[in-house]
Each structure stands twice: as C-alpha cells, then as structure tokens.
C-alpha cells in the first residue's frame, strides 16, 4: 500500500470531509473509493473502445437476423 500527499482546494476538502462523515467512513476510504470509481470508469471506456474497434457490422446484422420477428410485449411499449 502506498501513502500519498494531495493538495485539495479547501472547499473540495470540506465537501469530501462532510460526505465521508455522512457515510460513516474515513477520508482515506472516501478518497480511495473515489479514485477506484474513476479508474474503473476510464478502464471501462478503454475496454469499450477496444471492443468497438473489433466490431463487425456484418456479424451484428447476422445476429439481428437470427432474432424472430414478433411484436414487443406490452410492458416494453411504456
């Protein structure tokens, strides 16, 4: 595990401290969770871009053609 020192504007620090307190967690847990969320979002974006580059319109259309044609269920029309 690493220790880092970060500089935050006072307003952001106070907001983070308040939110961590409301969630009954430490500032360390709050910041670690925030970093994990951001890393996950960026990793997902990269993954989806890589998948999109490998996409095949021909295979997509073939998959759609394999779905039987039928009217949507009533709850899908809302």
PDB file of N, CA and C in Angstrom:
ATOM      1  N   UNK A   1       0.842  -1.166   0.000  1.00  0.00           N
ATOM      2  CA  UNK A   1       0.000   0.000   0.000  1.00  0.00           C
ATOM      3  C   UNK A   1       0.890   1.234   0.000  1.00  0.00           C
ATOM      4  N   UNK A   2       0.444   2.264  -0.712  1.00  0.00           N
ATOM      5  CA  UNK A   2       1.232   3.489  -0.832  1.00  0.00           C
ATOM      6  C   UNK A   2       0.609   4.617  -0.032  1.00  0.00           C
ATOM      7  N   UNK A   3       1.447   5.526   0.384  1.00  0.00           N
ATOM      8  CA  UNK A   3       0.999   6.747   1.037  1.00  0.00           C
ATOM      9  C   UNK A   3       1.285   7.904   0.099  1.00  0.00           C
ATOM     10  N   UNK A   4       0.264   8.761  -0.108  1.00  0.00           N
ATOM     11  CA  UNK A   4       0.466   9.920  -0.965  1.00  0.00           C
ATOM     12  C   UNK A   4      -0.031  11.165  -0.239  1.00  0.00           C
ATOM     13  N   UNK A   5       0.457  12.279  -0.677  1.00  0.00           N
ATOM     14  CA  UNK A   5       0.005  13.566  -0.167  1.00  0.00           C
ATOM     15  C   UNK A   5      -0.624  14.301  -1.335  1.00  0.00           C
ATOM     16  N   UNK A   6      -1.844  14.800  -1.131  1.00  0.00           N
ATOM     17  CA  UNK A   6      -2.511  15.530  -2.211  1.00  0.00           C
ATOM     18  C   UNK A   6      -2.916  16.910  -1.733  1.00  0.00           C
ATOM     19  N   UNK A   7      -3.005  17.813  -2.671  1.00  0.00           N
ATOM     20  CA  UNK A   7      -3.450  19.171  -2.376  1.00  0.00           C
ATOM     21  C   UNK A   7      -4.865  19.317  -2.943  1.00  0.00           C
ATOM     22  N   UNK A   8      -5.788  19.732  -2.078  1.00  0.00           N
ATOM     23  CA  UNK A   8      -7.160  19.961  -2.489  1.00  0.00           C
ATOM     24  C   UNK A   8      -7.558  21.382  -2.135  1.00  0.00           C
ATOM     25  N   UNK A   9      -8.372  22.005  -2.961  1.00  0.00           N
ATOM     26  CA  UNK A   9      -8.921  23.299  -2.552  1.00  0.00           C
ATOM     27  C   UNK A   9      -9.718  23.097  -1.255  1.00  0.00           C
ATOM     28  N   UNK A  10      -9.707  24.101  -0.400  1.00  0.00           N
ATOM     29  CA  UNK A  10     -10.402  23.976   0.884  1.00  0.00           C
ATOM     30  C   UNK A  10     -11.865  23.588   0.708  1.00  0.00           C
ATOM     31  N   UNK A  11     -12.520  24.163  -0.277  1.00  0.00           N
ATOM     32  CA  UNK A  11     -13.943  23.868  -0.474  1.00  0.00           C
ATOM     33  C   UNK A  11     -14.167  22.396  -0.809  1.00  0.00           C
ATOM     34  N   UNK A  12     -13.325  21.836  -1.671  1.00  0.00           N
ATOM     35  CA  UNK A  12     -13.445  20.428  -2.037  1.00  0.00           C
ATOM     36  C   UNK A  12     -13.115  19.540  -0.847  1.00  0.00           C
ATOM     37  N   UNK A  13     -12.099  19.898  -0.100  1.00  0.00           N
ATOM     38  CA  UNK A  13     -11.711  19.143   1.090  1.00  0.00           C
ATOM     39  C   UNK A  13     -12.863  19.112   2.092  1.00  0.00           C
ATOM     40  N   UNK A  14     -13.480  20.268   2.318  1.00  0.00           N
ATOM     41  CA  UNK A  14     -14.592  20.339   3.268  1.00  0.00           C
ATOM     42  C   UNK A  14     -15.790  19.521   2.794  1.00  0.00           C
ATOM     43  N   UNK A  15     -16.085  19.578   1.507  1.00  0.00           N
ATOM     44  CA  UNK A  15     -17.193  18.790   0.973  1.00  0.00           C
ATOM     45  C   UNK A  15     -16.913  17.298   1.108  1.00  0.00           C
ATOM     46  N   UNK A  16     -15.690  16.888   0.796  1.00  0.00           N
ATOM     47  CA  UNK A  16     -15.325  15.473   0.910  1.00  0.00           C
ATOM     48  C   UNK A  16     -15.388  15.016   2.366  1.00  0.00           C
ATOM     49  N   UNK A  17     -14.914  15.857   3.260  1.00  0.00           N
ATOM     50  CA  UNK A  17     -14.945  15.521   4.686  1.00  0.00           C
ATOM     51  C   UNK A  17     -16.387  15.344   5.167  1.00  0.00           C
ATOM     52  N   UNK A  18     -17.258  16.238   4.734  1.00  0.00           N
ATOM     53  CA  UNK A  18     -18.671  16.159   5.111  1.00  0.00           C
ATOM     54  C   UNK A  18     -19.312  14.889   4.565  1.00  0.00           C
ATOM     55  N   UNK A  19     -19.058  14.590   3.303  1.00  0.00           N
ATOM     56  CA  UNK A  19     -19.655  13.398   2.691  1.00  0.00           C
ATOM     57  C   UNK A  19     -19.129  12.116   3.311  1.00  0.00           C
ATOM     58  N   UNK A  20     -17.842  12.085   3.611  1.00  0.00           N
ATOM     59  CA  UNK A  20     -17.270  10.905   4.265  1.00  0.00           C
ATOM     60  C   UNK A  20     -17.909  10.712   5.631  1.00  0.00           C
ATOM     61  N   UNK A  21     -18.081  11.787   6.345  1.00  0.00           N
ATOM     62  CA  UNK A  21     -18.708  11.728   7.668  1.00  0.00           C
ATOM     63  C   UNK A  21     -20.140  11.225   7.564  1.00  0.00           C
ATOM     64  N   UNK A  22     -20.878  11.717   6.577  1.00  0.00           N
ATOM     65  CA  UNK A  22     -22.262  11.283   6.379  1.00  0.00           C
ATOM     66  C   UNK A  22     -22.341   9.791   6.058  1.00  0.00           C
ATOM     67  N   UNK A  23     -21.332   9.274   5.357  1.00  0.00           N
ATOM     68  CA  UNK A  23     -21.290   7.848   5.010  1.00  0.00           C
ATOM     69  C   UNK A  23     -20.636   7.011   6.102  1.00  0.00           C
ATOM     70  N   UNK A  24     -20.212   7.668   7.172  1.00  0.00           N
ATOM     71  CA  UNK A  24     -19.557   6.986   8.306  1.00  0.00           C
ATOM     72  C   UNK A  24     -18.305   6.225   7.863  1.00  0.00           C
ATOM     73  N   UNK A  25     -17.521   6.886   7.017  1.00  0.00           N
ATOM     74  CA  UNK A  25     -16.252   6.319   6.573  1.00  0.00           C
ATOM     75  C   UNK A  25     -15.156   7.361   6.748  1.00  0.00           C
ATOM     76  N   UNK A  26     -13.924   6.895   6.723  1.00  0.00           N
ATOM     77  CA  UNK A  26     -12.793   7.809   6.861  1.00  0.00           C
ATOM     78  C   UNK A  26     -12.558   8.556   5.548  1.00  0.00           C
ATOM     79  N   UNK A  27     -11.834   9.647   5.648  1.00  0.00           N
ATOM     80  CA  UNK A  27     -11.448  10.378   4.435  1.00  0.00           C
ATOM     81  C   UNK A  27     -10.620   9.467   3.533  1.00  0.00           C
ATOM     82  N   UNK A  28      -9.775   8.642   4.128  1.00  0.00           N
ATOM     83  CA  UNK A  28      -8.954   7.712   3.345  1.00  0.00           C
ATOM     84  C   UNK A  28      -9.849   6.785   2.527  1.00  0.00           C
ATOM     85  N   UNK A  29     -10.862   6.206   3.174  1.00  0.00           N
ATOM     86  CA  UNK A  29     -11.778   5.313   2.460  1.00  0.00           C
ATOM     87  C   UNK A  29     -12.539   6.068   1.371  1.00  0.00           C
ATOM     88  N   UNK A  30     -12.971   7.289   1.691  1.00  0.00           N
ATOM     89  CA  UNK A  30     -13.722   8.089   0.736  1.00  0.00           C
ATOM     90  C   UNK A  30     -12.879   8.380  -0.508  1.00  0.00           C
ATOM     91  N   UNK A  31     -11.657   8.826  -0.299  1.00  0.00           N
ATOM     92  CA  UNK A  31     -10.782   9.176  -1.422  1.00  0.00           C
ATOM     93  C   UNK A  31     -10.375   7.923  -2.200  1.00  0.00           C
ATOM     94  N   UNK A  32     -10.077   6.819  -1.496  1.00  0.00           N
ATOM     95  CA  UNK A  32      -9.730   5.573  -2.186  1.00  0.00           C
ATOM     96  C   UNK A  32     -10.895   5.105  -3.050  1.00  0.00           C
ATOM     97  N   UNK A  33     -12.117   5.230  -2.538  1.00  0.00           N
ATOM     98  CA  UNK A  33     -13.306   4.838  -3.291  1.00  0.00           C
ATOM     99  C   UNK A  33     -13.492   5.735  -4.514  1.00  0.00           C
ATOM    100  N   UNK A  34     -13.284   7.032  -4.346  1.00  0.00           N
ATOM    101  CA  UNK A  34     -13.420   7.970  -5.463  1.00  0.00           C
ATOM    102  C   UNK A  34     -12.398   7.666  -6.562  1.00  0.00           C
ATOM    103  N   UNK A  35     -11.171   7.377  -6.176  1.00  0.00           N
ATOM    104  CA  UNK A  35     -10.133   7.041  -7.154  1.00  0.00           C
ATOM    105  C   UNK A  35     -10.482   5.726  -7.851  1.00  0.00           C
ATOM    106  N   UNK A  36     -10.966   4.747  -7.087  1.00  0.00           N
ATOM    107  CA  UNK A  36     -11.348   3.458  -7.671  1.00  0.00           C
ATOM    108  C   UNK A  36     -12.472   3.641  -8.693  1.00  0.00           C
ATOM    109  N   UNK A  37     -13.451   4.483  -8.380  1.00  0.00           N
ATOM    110  CA  UNK A  37     -14.545   4.745  -9.322  1.00  0.00           C
ATOM    111  C   UNK A  37     -14.014   5.366 -10.613  1.00  0.00           C
ATOM    112  N   UNK A  38     -13.123   6.323 -10.497  1.00  0.00           N
ATOM    113  CA  UNK A  38     -12.586   6.994 -11.679  1.00  0.00           C
ATOM    114  C   UNK A  38     -11.755   6.025 -12.520  1.00  0.00           C
ATOM    115  N   UNK A  39     -10.918   5.240 -11.862  1.00  0.00           N
ATOM    116  CA  UNK A  39     -10.094   4.256 -12.577  1.00  0.00           C
ATOM    117  C   UNK A  39     -10.993   3.251 -13.297  1.00  0.00           C
ATOM    118  N   UNK A  40     -12.043   2.798 -12.623  1.00  0.00           N
ATOM    119  CA  UNK A  40     -12.981   1.852 -13.227  1.00  0.00           C
ATOM    120  C   UNK A  40     -13.667   2.458 -14.441  1.00  0.00           C
ATOM    121  N   UNK A  41     -14.105   3.708 -14.332  1.00  0.00           N
ATOM    122  CA  UNK A  41     -14.770   4.373 -15.450  1.00  0.00           C
ATOM    123  C   UNK A  41     -13.841   4.506 -16.651  1.00  0.00           C
ATOM    124  N   UNK A  42     -12.606   4.904 -16.406  1.00  0.00           N
ATOM    125  CA  UNK A  42     -11.654   5.065 -17.511  1.00  0.00           C
ATOM    126  C   UNK A  42     -11.277   3.720 -18.126  1.00  0.00           C
ATOM    127  N   UNK A  43     -11.121   2.696 -17.284  1.00  0.00           N
ATOM    128  CA  UNK A  43     -10.796   1.358 -17.794  1.00  0.00           C
ATOM    129  C   UNK A  43     -11.954   0.821 -18.631  1.00  0.00           C
ATOM    130  N   UNK A  44     -13.182   1.072 -18.197  1.00  0.00           N
ATOM    131  CA  UNK A  44     -14.355   0.623 -18.949  1.00  0.00           C
ATOM    132  C   UNK A  44     -14.426   1.330 -20.292  1.00  0.00           C
ATOM    133  N   UNK A  45     -14.161   2.629 -20.292  1.00  0.00           N
ATOM    134  CA  UNK A  45     -14.171   3.384 -21.543  1.00  0.00           C
ATOM    135  C   UNK A  45     -13.144   2.822 -22.521  1.00  0.00           C
ATOM    136  N   UNK A  46     -11.953   2.544 -22.035  1.00  0.00           N
ATOM    137  CA  UNK A  46     -10.902   1.966 -22.880  1.00  0.00           C
ATOM    138  C   UNK A  46     -11.321   0.606 -23.416  1.00  0.00           C
ATOM    139  N   UNK A  47     -11.882  -0.230 -22.543  1.00  0.00           N
ATOM    140  CA  UNK A  47     -12.330  -1.567 -22.936  1.00  0.00           C
ATOM    141  C   UNK A  47     -13.395  -1.473 -24.026  1.00  0.00           C
ATOM    142  N   UNK A  48     -14.373  -0.586 -23.840  1.00  0.00           N
ATOM    143  CA  UNK A  48     -15.449  -0.465 -24.825  1.00  0.00           C
ATOM    144  C   UNK A  48     -14.939   0.072 -26.160  1.00  0.00           C
ATOM    145  N   UNK A  49     -13.984   0.993 -26.127  1.00  0.00           N
ATOM    146  CA  UNK A  49     -13.395   1.492 -27.376  1.00  0.00           C
ATOM    147  C   UNK A  49     -12.672   0.366 -28.110  1.00  0.00           C
ATOM    148  N   UNK A  50     -11.924  -0.455 -27.362  1.00  0.00           N
ATOM    149  CA  UNK A  50     -11.207  -1.571 -27.982  1.00  0.00           C
ATOM    150  C   UNK A  50     -12.184  -2.582 -28.575  1.00  0.00           C
ATOM    151  N   UNK A  51     -13.274  -2.858 -27.854  1.00  0.00           N
ATOM    152  CA  UNK A  51     -14.285  -3.790 -28.370  1.00  0.00           C
ATOM    153  C   UNK A  51     -14.942  -3.221 -29.623  1.00  0.00           C
ATOM    154  N   UNK A  52     -15.230  -1.923 -29.619  1.00  0.00           N
ATOM    155  CA  UNK A  52     -15.879  -1.292 -30.767  1.00  0.00           C
ATOM    156  C   UNK A  52     -14.996  -1.366 -32.008  1.00  0.00           C
ATOM    157  N   UNK A  53     -13.695  -1.254 -31.816  1.00  0.00           N
ATOM    158  CA  UNK A  53     -12.763  -1.331 -32.952  1.00  0.00           C
ATOM    159  C   UNK A  53     -12.767  -2.719 -33.584  1.00  0.00           C
ATOM    160  N   UNK A  54     -13.100  -3.744 -32.788  1.00  0.00           N
ATOM    161  CA  UNK A  54     -13.132  -5.123 -33.306  1.00  0.00           C
ATOM    162  C   UNK A  54     -14.523  -5.509 -33.815  1.00  0.00           C
ATOM    163  N   UNK A  55     -15.476  -4.589 -33.722  1.00  0.00           N
ATOM    164  CA  UNK A  55     -16.859  -4.893 -34.085  1.00  0.00           C
ATOM    165  C   UNK A  55     -16.990  -5.161 -35.579  1.00  0.00           C
ATOM    166  N   UNK A  56     -17.981  -5.958 -35.896  1.00  0.00           N
ATOM    167  CA  UNK A  56     -18.257  -6.290 -37.294  1.00  0.00           C
ATOM    168  C   UNK A  56     -19.731  -6.006 -37.569  1.00  0.00           C
ATOM    169  N   UNK A  57     -19.999  -5.076 -38.457  1.00  0.00           N
ATOM    170  CA  UNK A  57     -21.375  -4.761 -38.823  1.00  0.00           C
ATOM    171  C   UNK A  57     -22.050  -5.986 -39.435  1.00  0.00           C
ATOM    172  N   UNK A  58     -21.335  -6.743 -40.226  1.00  0.00           N
ATOM    173  CA  UNK A  58     -21.889  -7.947 -40.852  1.00  0.00           C
ATOM    174  C   UNK A  58     -22.345  -8.946 -39.799  1.00  0.00           C
ATOM    175  N   UNK A  59     -21.511  -9.181 -38.770  1.00  0.00           N
ATOM    176  CA  UNK A  59     -21.882 -10.127 -37.713  1.00  0.00           C
ATOM    177  C   UNK A  59     -23.042  -9.582 -36.881  1.00  0.00           C
ATOM    178  N   UNK A  60     -23.080  -8.275 -36.675  1.00  0.00           N
ATOM    179  CA  UNK A  60     -24.173  -7.668 -35.918  1.00  0.00           C
ATOM    180  C   UNK A  60     -25.497  -7.867 -36.650  1.00  0.00           C
ATOM    181  N   UNK A  61     -25.505  -7.597 -37.944  1.00  0.00           N
ATOM    182  CA  UNK A  61     -26.728  -7.767 -38.738  1.00  0.00           C
ATOM    183  C   UNK A  61     -27.144  -9.230 -38.768  1.00  0.00           C
ATOM    184  N   UNK A  62     -26.178 -10.134 -38.863  1.00  0.00           N
ATOM    185  CA  UNK A  62     -26.489 -11.569 -38.847  1.00  0.00           C
ATOM    186  C   UNK A  62     -27.125 -11.970 -37.522  1.00  0.00           C
ATOM    187  N   UNK A  63     -26.635 -11.415 -36.427  1.00  0.00           N
ATOM    188  CA  UNK A  63     -27.210 -11.716 -35.114  1.00  0.00           C
ATOM    189  C   UNK A  63     -28.638 -11.187 -35.027  1.00  0.00           C
ATOM    190  N   UNK A  64     -28.877  -9.972 -35.522  1.00  0.00           N
ATOM    191  CA  UNK A  64     -30.233  -9.417 -35.516  1.00  0.00           C
ATOM    192  C   UNK A  64     -31.175 -10.235 -36.394  1.00  0.00           C
ATOM    193  N   UNK A  65     -30.667 -10.710 -37.525  1.00  0.00           N
ATOM    194  CA  UNK A  65     -31.488 -11.521 -38.431  1.00  0.00           C
ATOM    195  C   UNK A  65     -31.895 -12.843 -37.783  1.00  0.00           C
ATOM    196  N   UNK A  66     -31.132 -13.309 -36.814  1.00  0.00           N
ATOM    197  CA  UNK A  66     -31.434 -14.576 -36.151  1.00  0.00           C
ATOM    198  C   UNK A  66     -32.537 -14.431 -35.101  1.00  0.00           C
ATOM    199  N   UNK A  67     -32.898 -13.193 -34.770  1.00  0.00           N
ATOM    200  CA  UNK A  67     -33.950 -12.955 -33.772  1.00  0.00           C
ATOM    201  C   UNK A  67     -35.296 -13.043 -34.470  1.00  0.00           C
ATOM    202  N   UNK A  68     -36.199 -13.870 -33.926  1.00  0.00           N
ATOM    203  CA  UNK A  68     -37.504 -13.990 -34.579  1.00  0.00           C
ATOM    204  C   UNK A  68     -38.288 -12.680 -34.528  1.00  0.00           C
ATOM    205  N   UNK A  69     -39.010 -12.387 -35.603  1.00  0.00           N
ATOM    206  CA  UNK A  69     -39.814 -11.157 -35.667  1.00  0.00           C
ATOM    207  C   UNK A  69     -41.099 -11.379 -34.880  1.00  0.00           C
ATOM    208  N   UNK A  70     -41.346 -10.515 -33.906  1.00  0.00           N
ATOM    209  CA  UNK A  70     -42.585 -10.585 -33.134  1.00  0.00           C
ATOM    210  C   UNK A  70     -42.870  -9.228 -32.539  1.00  0.00           C
ATOM    211  N   UNK A  71     -44.108  -9.004 -32.207  1.00  0.00           N
ATOM    212  CA  UNK A  71     -44.491  -7.731 -31.592  1.00  0.00           C
ATOM    213  C   UNK A  71     -43.895  -7.645 -30.187  1.00  0.00           C
ATOM    214  N   UNK A  72     -43.534  -6.436 -29.742  1.00  0.00           N
ATOM    215  CA  UNK A  72     -42.977  -6.295 -28.385  1.00  0.00           C
ATOM    216  C   UNK A  72     -44.041  -6.566 -27.335  1.00  0.00           C
ATOM    217  N   UNK A  73     -43.615  -7.013 -26.162  1.00  0.00           N
ATOM    218  CA  UNK A  73     -44.522  -7.197 -25.037  1.00  0.00           C
ATOM    219  C   UNK A  73     -45.097  -5.851 -24.634  1.00  0.00           C
ATOM    220  N   UNK A  74     -46.276  -5.861 -24.038  1.00  0.00           N
ATOM    221  CA  UNK A  74     -46.963  -4.620 -23.659  1.00  0.00           C
ATOM    222  C   UNK A  74     -46.110  -3.760 -22.721  1.00  0.00           C
ATOM    223  N   UNK A  75     -45.414  -4.391 -21.784  1.00  0.00           N
ATOM    224  CA  UNK A  75     -44.597  -3.604 -20.830  1.00  0.00           C
ATOM    225  C   UNK A  75     -43.394  -2.946 -21.486  1.00  0.00           C
ATOM    226  N   UNK A  76     -43.031  -3.398 -22.690  1.00  0.00           N
ATOM    227  CA  UNK A  76     -41.922  -2.779 -23.415  1.00  0.00           C
ATOM    228  C   UNK A  76     -42.352  -1.541 -24.182  1.00  0.00           C
ATOM    229  N   UNK A  77     -43.648  -1.310 -24.276  1.00  0.00           N
ATOM    230  CA  UNK A  77     -44.162  -0.178 -25.035  1.00  0.00           C
ATOM    231  C   UNK A  77     -44.346   1.072 -24.173  1.00  0.00           C
ATOM    232  N   UNK A  78     -44.189   0.959 -22.893  1.00  0.00           N
ATOM    233  CA  UNK A  78     -44.385   2.109 -21.999  1.00  0.00           C
ATOM    234  C   UNK A  78     -43.308   3.126 -22.143  1.00  0.00           C
TER     235      UNK A  78
END
